Protein backbone atom coordinates (compact mmCIF):
# COMPACT_ATOMS: atom_id res chain seq x y z
CA UNK A 1 17.88 -6.63 17.62
CA UNK A 2 16.16 -8.64 20.35
CA UNK A 3 13.36 -6.20 21.26
CA UNK A 4 11.34 -4.61 18.46
CA UNK A 5 8.95 -1.96 19.73
CA UNK A 6 8.09 0.23 16.72
CA UNK A 7 8.10 0.43 12.93
CA UNK A 8 11.44 2.26 12.95
CA UNK A 9 13.08 -0.81 14.52
CA UNK A 10 11.78 -2.89 11.62
CA UNK A 11 13.05 -0.31 9.10
CA UNK A 12 16.57 -0.46 10.54
CA UNK A 13 16.56 -4.25 10.39
CA UNK A 14 15.18 -4.30 6.84
CA UNK A 15 17.91 -1.91 5.70
CA UNK A 16 20.50 -4.39 6.98
CA UNK A 17 18.91 -7.45 5.36
CA UNK A 18 17.50 -6.27 2.01
CA UNK A 19 19.77 -5.57 -1.00
CA UNK A 20 20.34 -1.85 -1.44
CA UNK A 21 18.45 -1.42 -4.73
CA UNK A 22 15.28 -3.00 -3.33
CA UNK A 23 15.47 -1.26 0.04
CA UNK A 24 15.98 2.05 -1.77
CA UNK A 25 13.08 1.26 -4.10
CA UNK A 26 10.76 1.02 -1.09
CA UNK A 27 12.26 3.80 0.99
CA UNK A 28 12.39 6.70 -1.46
CA UNK A 29 10.35 9.34 -3.25
CA UNK A 30 10.66 11.32 -6.46
CA UNK A 31 13.00 14.28 -7.08
CA UNK A 32 13.73 16.11 -3.79
CA UNK A 33 11.55 13.67 -1.79
CA UNK A 34 9.80 16.65 -0.20
CA UNK A 35 6.30 15.16 -0.50
CA UNK A 36 7.62 11.78 0.68
CA UNK A 37 8.93 13.41 3.87
CA UNK A 38 5.84 15.61 4.36
CA UNK A 39 3.56 12.56 4.31
CA UNK A 40 5.20 11.43 7.52
CA UNK A 41 6.11 14.73 9.20
CA UNK A 42 2.66 16.34 8.77
CA UNK A 43 1.17 13.67 11.02
CA UNK A 44 3.46 14.84 13.82
CA UNK A 45 1.97 18.35 13.74
CA UNK A 46 -1.46 17.01 14.70
CA UNK A 47 -1.85 16.86 18.48
CA UNK A 48 -4.15 14.63 20.52
CA UNK A 49 -6.43 15.53 23.45
CA UNK A 50 -5.70 13.33 26.44
CA UNK A 51 -8.74 12.42 28.53
CA UNK A 52 -8.76 10.86 32.01
CA UNK A 53 -11.10 9.03 34.39
CA UNK A 54 -12.82 7.34 31.45
CA UNK A 55 -13.69 3.63 31.59
CA UNK A 56 -11.19 2.00 29.23
CA UNK A 57 -12.56 -1.55 29.41
CA UNK A 58 -13.86 -3.60 26.45
CA UNK A 59 -12.06 -1.69 23.71
CA UNK A 60 -12.58 -2.53 20.04
CA UNK A 61 -10.77 -1.39 16.90
CA UNK A 62 -12.99 -3.52 14.65
CA UNK A 63 -14.86 -1.75 11.85
CA UNK A 64 -15.63 -2.09 8.13
CA UNK A 65 -13.96 -1.00 4.89
CA UNK A 66 -16.25 -1.09 1.79
CA UNK A 67 -18.62 -3.34 3.69
CA UNK A 68 -15.95 -5.86 4.69
CA UNK A 69 -15.26 -6.48 8.35
CA UNK A 70 -11.72 -5.60 9.42
CA UNK A 71 -9.89 -6.00 12.74
CA UNK A 72 -8.74 -2.38 12.48
CA UNK A 73 -9.17 0.32 9.80
CA UNK A 74 -5.96 -0.69 8.06
CA UNK A 75 -5.25 -2.53 4.80
CA UNK A 76 -1.92 -3.54 3.30
CA UNK A 77 -1.27 -1.24 0.36
CA UNK A 78 -0.31 -2.52 -3.09
CA UNK A 79 3.47 -2.33 -3.48
CA UNK A 80 5.44 -3.31 -6.57
CA UNK A 81 8.36 -5.78 -6.39
CA UNK A 82 7.26 -6.93 -2.91
CA UNK A 83 8.73 -10.37 -3.63
CA UNK A 84 12.14 -8.72 -3.98
CA UNK A 85 12.05 -7.46 -0.37
CA UNK A 86 11.81 -11.08 0.75
CA UNK A 87 11.36 -14.31 -1.18
CA UNK A 88 7.64 -14.97 -1.87
CA UNK A 89 6.89 -11.66 -0.18
CA UNK A 90 3.37 -11.17 -1.52
CA UNK A 91 2.29 -14.63 -0.34
CA UNK A 92 3.77 -14.02 3.11
CA UNK A 93 2.13 -10.60 3.39
CA UNK A 94 -1.25 -11.99 2.35
CA UNK A 95 -0.99 -14.79 4.90
CA UNK A 96 -0.17 -12.35 7.70
CA UNK A 97 -3.08 -10.10 6.70
CA UNK A 98 -5.45 -13.07 6.57
CA UNK A 99 -4.48 -14.17 10.10
CA UNK A 100 -4.78 -10.62 11.44
CA UNK A 101 -8.14 -9.96 9.80
CA UNK A 102 -7.32 -7.07 7.47
CA UNK A 103 -7.28 -6.77 3.65
CA UNK A 104 -4.17 -7.45 1.59
CA UNK A 105 -3.83 -5.64 -1.76
CA UNK A 106 -1.76 -7.25 -4.50
CA UNK A 107 -0.03 -4.99 -7.03
CA UNK A 108 -0.17 -5.55 -10.77
CA UNK A 109 3.64 -5.25 -10.62
CA UNK A 110 4.04 -7.99 -8.03
CA UNK A 111 6.59 -10.78 -8.16
CA UNK A 112 4.15 -13.45 -6.98
CA UNK A 113 1.15 -13.75 -9.30
CA UNK A 114 -2.55 -13.43 -8.54
CA UNK A 115 -2.75 -17.22 -8.68
CA UNK A 116 0.28 -17.65 -6.38
CA UNK A 117 -1.31 -15.49 -3.68
CA UNK A 118 -4.69 -17.21 -4.00
CA UNK A 119 -3.11 -20.64 -3.67
CA UNK A 120 -0.84 -19.47 -0.85
CA UNK A 121 -3.83 -18.29 1.20
CA UNK A 122 -6.17 -21.21 0.35
CA UNK A 123 -8.47 -19.03 -1.73
CA UNK A 124 -8.94 -16.37 0.95
CA UNK A 125 -10.33 -13.11 -0.52
CA UNK A 126 -7.82 -10.35 -1.17
CA UNK A 127 -7.85 -7.09 -3.13
CA UNK A 128 -6.14 -6.57 -6.48
CA UNK A 129 -4.61 -3.30 -7.69
CA UNK A 130 -4.84 -2.56 -11.40
CA UNK A 131 -2.72 -0.27 -13.57
CA UNK A 132 -4.29 0.89 -16.81
CA UNK A 133 -2.33 -0.45 -19.77
CA UNK A 134 -2.74 0.33 -23.45
CA UNK A 135 -3.27 -3.39 -24.01
CA UNK A 136 -6.97 -3.54 -23.10
CA UNK A 137 -7.09 -7.30 -23.70
CA UNK A 138 -4.44 -7.72 -21.00
CA UNK A 139 -6.50 -5.56 -18.60
CA UNK A 140 -9.53 -7.74 -19.27
CA UNK A 141 -7.40 -10.81 -18.61
CA UNK A 142 -6.14 -9.39 -15.30
CA UNK A 143 -9.71 -8.59 -14.22
CA UNK A 144 -10.87 -12.10 -15.11
CA UNK A 145 -7.94 -13.65 -13.24
CA UNK A 146 -8.73 -11.50 -10.19
CA UNK A 147 -12.35 -12.69 -10.29
CA UNK A 148 -11.22 -16.31 -10.56
CA UNK A 149 -8.90 -15.83 -7.58
CA UNK A 150 -11.80 -14.65 -5.37
CA UNK A 151 -10.58 -11.04 -5.15
CA UNK A 152 -13.23 -9.03 -3.32
CA UNK A 153 -12.24 -5.53 -4.49
CA UNK A 154 -10.39 -3.90 -7.36
CA UNK A 155 -8.10 -0.97 -6.52
CA UNK A 156 -7.58 1.18 -9.63
CA UNK A 157 -4.49 3.39 -9.46
CA UNK A 158 -4.99 6.70 -11.27
CA UNK A 159 -1.76 8.58 -10.52
CA UNK A 160 0.77 6.51 -12.46
CA UNK A 161 0.00 7.08 -16.12
CA UNK A 162 3.63 8.12 -16.47
CA UNK A 163 6.43 7.31 -14.04
CA UNK A 164 7.83 9.91 -11.65
CA UNK A 165 11.62 10.16 -11.59
CA UNK A 166 13.14 8.44 -8.56
CA UNK A 167 16.84 9.20 -8.46
CA UNK A 168 17.88 6.20 -6.33
CA UNK A 169 16.29 3.69 -8.71
CA UNK A 170 18.15 5.20 -11.66
CA UNK A 171 21.48 5.22 -9.82
CA UNK A 172 21.00 1.64 -8.57
CA UNK A 173 19.98 0.32 -11.99
CA UNK A 174 16.83 -1.18 -10.46
CA UNK A 175 15.74 -4.47 -12.05
CA UNK A 176 14.11 -7.72 -10.97
CA UNK A 177 16.07 -9.92 -10.59
CA UNK A 178 19.05 -7.59 -9.99
CA UNK A 179 21.63 -7.27 -12.75
CA UNK A 180 24.86 -8.93 -11.67
CA UNK A 181 27.10 -5.89 -11.81
CA UNK A 182 30.21 -5.73 -9.62
CA UNK A 183 28.53 -3.26 -7.23
CA UNK A 184 25.42 -5.42 -6.93
CA UNK A 185 27.46 -8.59 -6.42
CA UNK A 186 29.39 -6.96 -3.58
CA UNK A 187 26.17 -5.75 -1.97
CA UNK A 188 24.45 -9.14 -2.33
CA UNK A 189 27.39 -10.84 -0.60
CA UNK A 190 26.42 -8.90 2.54
CA UNK A 191 22.81 -10.19 2.40
CA UNK A 192 23.14 -14.01 2.76
CA UNK A 193 19.68 -14.48 4.29
CA UNK A 194 18.04 -12.74 1.32
CA UNK A 195 20.12 -14.68 -1.22
CA UNK A 196 19.26 -18.05 0.34
CA UNK A 197 15.58 -17.15 0.25
CA UNK A 198 15.75 -16.20 -3.42
CA UNK A 199 17.60 -19.41 -4.30
CA UNK A 200 14.71 -21.33 -2.73
CA UNK A 201 11.92 -19.80 -4.83
CA UNK A 202 11.22 -19.76 -8.59
CA UNK A 203 9.42 -16.40 -8.23
CA UNK A 204 11.91 -13.74 -9.35
CA UNK A 205 10.06 -11.92 -12.15
CA UNK A 206 6.79 -9.99 -12.50
CA UNK A 207 4.45 -12.94 -12.05
CA UNK A 208 1.29 -11.25 -13.32
CA UNK A 209 2.92 -10.37 -16.63
CA UNK A 210 5.63 -12.85 -17.67
CA UNK A 211 3.97 -15.73 -19.48
CA UNK A 212 0.64 -13.92 -19.61
CA UNK A 213 1.49 -11.39 -22.33
CA UNK A 214 2.40 -12.46 -25.83
CA UNK A 215 6.09 -11.89 -26.50
CA UNK A 216 7.01 -11.27 -22.83
CA UNK A 217 8.98 -14.31 -21.71
CA UNK A 218 11.99 -12.67 -20.04
CA UNK A 219 13.01 -9.56 -18.18
CA UNK A 220 14.62 -7.87 -21.16
CA UNK A 221 11.39 -7.67 -23.10
CA UNK A 222 9.36 -6.98 -19.97
CA UNK A 223 11.07 -3.69 -19.10
CA UNK A 224 10.53 -2.52 -22.67
CA UNK A 225 6.89 -3.62 -22.56
CA UNK A 226 6.05 -1.85 -19.27
CA UNK A 227 7.64 1.43 -20.40
CA UNK A 228 5.43 1.37 -23.47
CA UNK A 229 2.29 0.00 -21.84
CA UNK A 230 1.37 2.44 -19.04
CA UNK A 231 -1.38 4.50 -20.65
CA UNK A 232 -0.91 8.30 -20.51
CA UNK A 233 -4.33 8.67 -22.16
CA UNK A 234 -6.19 7.32 -19.10
CA UNK A 235 -9.49 9.19 -18.52
CA UNK A 236 -12.72 8.93 -16.53
CA UNK A 237 -14.35 7.01 -19.38
CA UNK A 238 -11.78 4.25 -18.82
CA UNK A 239 -12.67 4.22 -15.13
CA UNK A 240 -16.35 3.68 -15.93
CA UNK A 241 -15.46 0.94 -18.43
CA UNK A 242 -13.32 -0.87 -15.84
CA UNK A 243 -16.05 -0.52 -13.20
CA UNK A 244 -18.55 -2.15 -15.57
CA UNK A 245 -16.11 -4.85 -16.69
CA UNK A 246 -15.18 -5.70 -13.09
CA UNK A 247 -18.70 -5.61 -11.68
CA UNK A 248 -17.61 -5.64 -8.03
CA UNK A 249 -16.32 -3.20 -5.44
CA UNK A 250 -14.09 -0.55 -7.03
CA UNK A 251 -11.65 1.68 -5.11
CA UNK A 252 -9.90 4.62 -6.83
CA UNK A 253 -6.35 5.28 -5.63
CA UNK A 254 -4.46 8.52 -6.14
CA UNK A 255 -7.01 11.25 -5.35
CA UNK A 256 -5.45 14.51 -4.10
CA UNK A 257 -7.89 17.17 -5.30
CA UNK A 258 -11.52 17.92 -4.43
CA UNK A 259 -12.46 18.25 -8.10
CA UNK A 260 -11.05 14.79 -8.85
CA UNK A 261 -12.83 13.42 -5.78
CA UNK A 262 -16.16 14.63 -7.17
CA UNK A 263 -15.38 13.07 -10.56
CA UNK A 264 -14.57 9.86 -8.71
CA UNK A 265 -17.99 9.90 -7.08
CA UNK A 266 -19.60 10.38 -10.49
CA UNK A 267 -17.68 7.41 -11.92
CA UNK A 268 -19.60 5.01 -9.68
CA UNK A 269 -16.66 3.93 -7.53
CA UNK A 270 -17.27 2.58 -4.02
CA UNK A 271 -14.33 4.32 -2.29
CA UNK A 272 -11.51 6.81 -2.89
CA UNK A 273 -7.98 6.63 -1.53
CA UNK A 274 -6.48 10.03 -0.81
CA UNK A 275 -2.92 9.32 -1.93
CA UNK A 276 0.13 10.84 -3.62
CA UNK A 277 1.70 7.43 -4.30
CA UNK A 278 3.87 7.70 -1.22
CA UNK A 279 5.53 10.84 -2.57
CA UNK A 280 6.83 8.81 -5.53
CA UNK A 281 5.08 10.71 -8.35
CA UNK A 282 4.53 14.50 -8.13
CA UNK A 283 7.13 15.88 -5.75
CA UNK A 284 5.85 19.17 -4.32
CA UNK A 285 2.30 17.90 -3.93
CA UNK A 286 0.76 18.23 -0.45
CA UNK A 287 0.82 15.38 2.04
CA UNK A 288 -2.13 13.01 2.05
CA UNK A 289 -3.14 13.81 5.63
CA UNK A 290 -3.18 17.57 4.92
CA UNK A 291 -5.72 17.28 2.08
CA UNK A 292 -7.82 14.53 3.65
CA UNK A 293 -10.19 16.86 5.62
CA UNK A 294 -11.23 18.95 2.59
CA UNK A 295 -11.89 15.85 0.48
CA UNK A 296 -13.94 14.26 3.28
CA UNK A 297 -15.90 17.50 3.63
CA UNK A 298 -16.61 17.60 -0.11
CA UNK A 299 -17.57 13.97 -0.81
CA UNK A 300 -17.48 12.01 2.44
CA UNK A 301 -21.27 11.83 2.62
CA UNK A 302 -21.44 10.30 -0.89
CA UNK A 303 -18.53 7.87 -0.95
CA UNK A 304 -16.20 6.10 1.47
CA UNK A 305 -12.91 7.99 1.80
CA UNK A 306 -9.67 6.18 2.67
CA UNK A 307 -6.08 7.46 2.77
CA UNK A 308 -2.48 6.33 2.53
CA UNK A 309 0.92 7.96 2.80
CA UNK A 310 3.17 8.41 5.82
CA UNK A 311 1.49 6.01 8.25
CA UNK A 312 4.18 4.66 10.57
CA UNK A 313 2.15 4.09 13.73
CA UNK A 314 -1.24 3.36 15.20
CA UNK A 315 -1.41 7.00 16.26
CA UNK A 316 -1.26 7.98 12.59
CA UNK A 317 -4.14 5.61 11.87
CA UNK A 318 -6.18 7.17 14.67
CA UNK A 319 -5.49 10.72 13.43
CA UNK A 320 -6.57 9.78 9.91
CA UNK A 321 -9.70 8.17 11.30
CA UNK A 322 -10.44 11.30 13.34
CA UNK A 323 -10.19 13.40 10.18
CA UNK A 324 -12.73 11.26 8.38
CA UNK A 325 -10.84 8.37 6.74
CA UNK A 326 -12.88 5.17 6.98
CA UNK A 327 -9.75 3.17 6.24
CA UNK A 328 -5.98 3.58 5.91
CA UNK A 329 -3.23 1.71 4.04
CA UNK A 330 0.32 0.81 5.02
CA UNK A 331 2.97 0.33 2.34
CA UNK A 332 6.41 1.08 3.75
CA UNK A 333 5.49 -0.04 7.28
CA UNK A 334 4.50 -3.38 5.78
CA UNK A 335 7.62 -3.64 3.60
CA UNK A 336 9.94 -2.87 6.52
CA UNK A 337 8.44 -5.75 8.46
CA UNK A 338 8.63 -8.08 5.48
CA UNK A 339 12.22 -7.19 4.65
CA UNK A 340 13.24 -7.52 8.28
CA UNK A 341 11.68 -10.87 9.16
CA UNK A 342 9.39 -12.18 6.43
CA UNK A 343 5.86 -13.16 7.47
CA UNK A 344 6.77 -12.86 11.14
CA UNK A 345 7.90 -9.29 10.49
CA UNK A 346 4.64 -8.37 8.76
CA UNK A 347 2.71 -9.78 11.71
CA UNK A 348 4.94 -7.79 14.05
CA UNK A 349 4.26 -4.58 12.11
CA UNK A 350 0.51 -5.16 12.32
CA UNK A 351 0.73 -5.93 16.03
CA UNK A 352 2.71 -2.74 16.67
CA UNK A 353 0.25 -0.57 14.76
CA UNK A 354 -2.76 -2.23 16.40
CA UNK A 355 -1.39 -1.82 19.92
CA UNK A 356 -0.53 1.84 19.34
CA UNK A 357 -3.99 2.44 17.86
CA UNK A 358 -5.74 0.69 20.75
CA UNK A 359 -3.81 2.44 23.53
CA UNK A 360 -3.97 5.91 21.95
CA UNK A 361 -7.71 5.57 21.38
CA UNK A 362 -8.15 4.75 25.08
CA UNK A 363 -5.97 7.66 26.21
CA UNK A 364 -8.18 9.93 24.09
CA UNK A 365 -11.29 8.74 25.91
CA UNK A 366 -12.74 6.24 23.43
CA UNK A 367 -13.24 2.48 23.57
CA UNK A 368 -14.67 1.95 20.07
CA UNK A 369 -12.98 3.05 16.86
CA UNK A 370 -16.36 3.83 15.31
CA UNK A 371 -17.01 6.67 17.79
CA UNK A 372 -13.71 8.45 17.07
CA UNK A 373 -13.99 11.86 15.40
CA UNK A 374 -11.99 15.09 15.23
CA UNK A 375 -13.01 15.81 18.83
CA UNK A 376 -9.95 13.78 19.89
CA UNK A 377 -7.66 16.30 18.18
CA UNK A 378 -6.37 19.56 19.61
CA UNK A 379 -8.02 22.47 17.72
CA UNK A 380 -5.59 24.49 15.63
CA UNK A 381 -3.21 21.56 15.01
CA UNK A 382 -5.01 20.12 11.99
């Protein structure tokens, strides 16, 4: 594919180049995948007001997220197994984000470790996403490592105390590295670029966990450990404890309900992410963009509200911004670029989204992202 013009082009290329189990891991939801599809399709229902004869010179998409300057209101979302989409994927994604001027968020369940990403970006600040484990000493260790790596925000995920059932992962026998079954071997033979990349890196396991937890030295014990360690007893008291232990900017990810948003405000967090985990947890939940306005109306004056889920274009970013989101996150759009072309693909994804955001903003009569509000949207479509 010589000309790449949109995120869908990157998705098609990633599907060709990434082994099936890891492509499916990124590009799927739980159960019927209804919420996964709604995240994307509900954006299409929102219509824009085109304005004309407006001076479109000197446009700017620059703004701030939790007090940090960003080139556009977009951050790279935390995604597990990113280093299985492309060798050293987390490092490459962080480098692309650094160059573009937006935040990169590293997942607890990453292949490259906190230290790998810090070293790979010369100590540049990034955000770290934390899952709550039963092993509180391990949580404290992760927080301390994030501090040492110059992480400037902690993103606490609240909607994965237990794991939603994702049919494709079960059928593919998802593991990192992949189990060498006959089916996997046949599939890997069709992905020579990916295989060469993996042969050239030592990073093939969950880098934040292996070697950092007593008794977890290989993938066999790791899978058993993670299934036992996600804490179903997570509560708001834990959130307040983590906020105090961290001491820096705290973002709560996984808010879908106004009542939970209010509890999030009371916990002392700095921002909320309206999110349904990309449709990967509770299938049948509403799309993120559909519940964003009511959450902004309820708590937007007290706390910064962000959103993720379904963003495949700069137009989606603009619509979320118009409905009150101070920032947005891209997960799949980022992974498609990474799987397609590594760091160059991530940069391409960011360029595509930025250009679409910039042009659409201008067509709607604005030259500064900070002046955009729901006035750019057609009444009755949101």
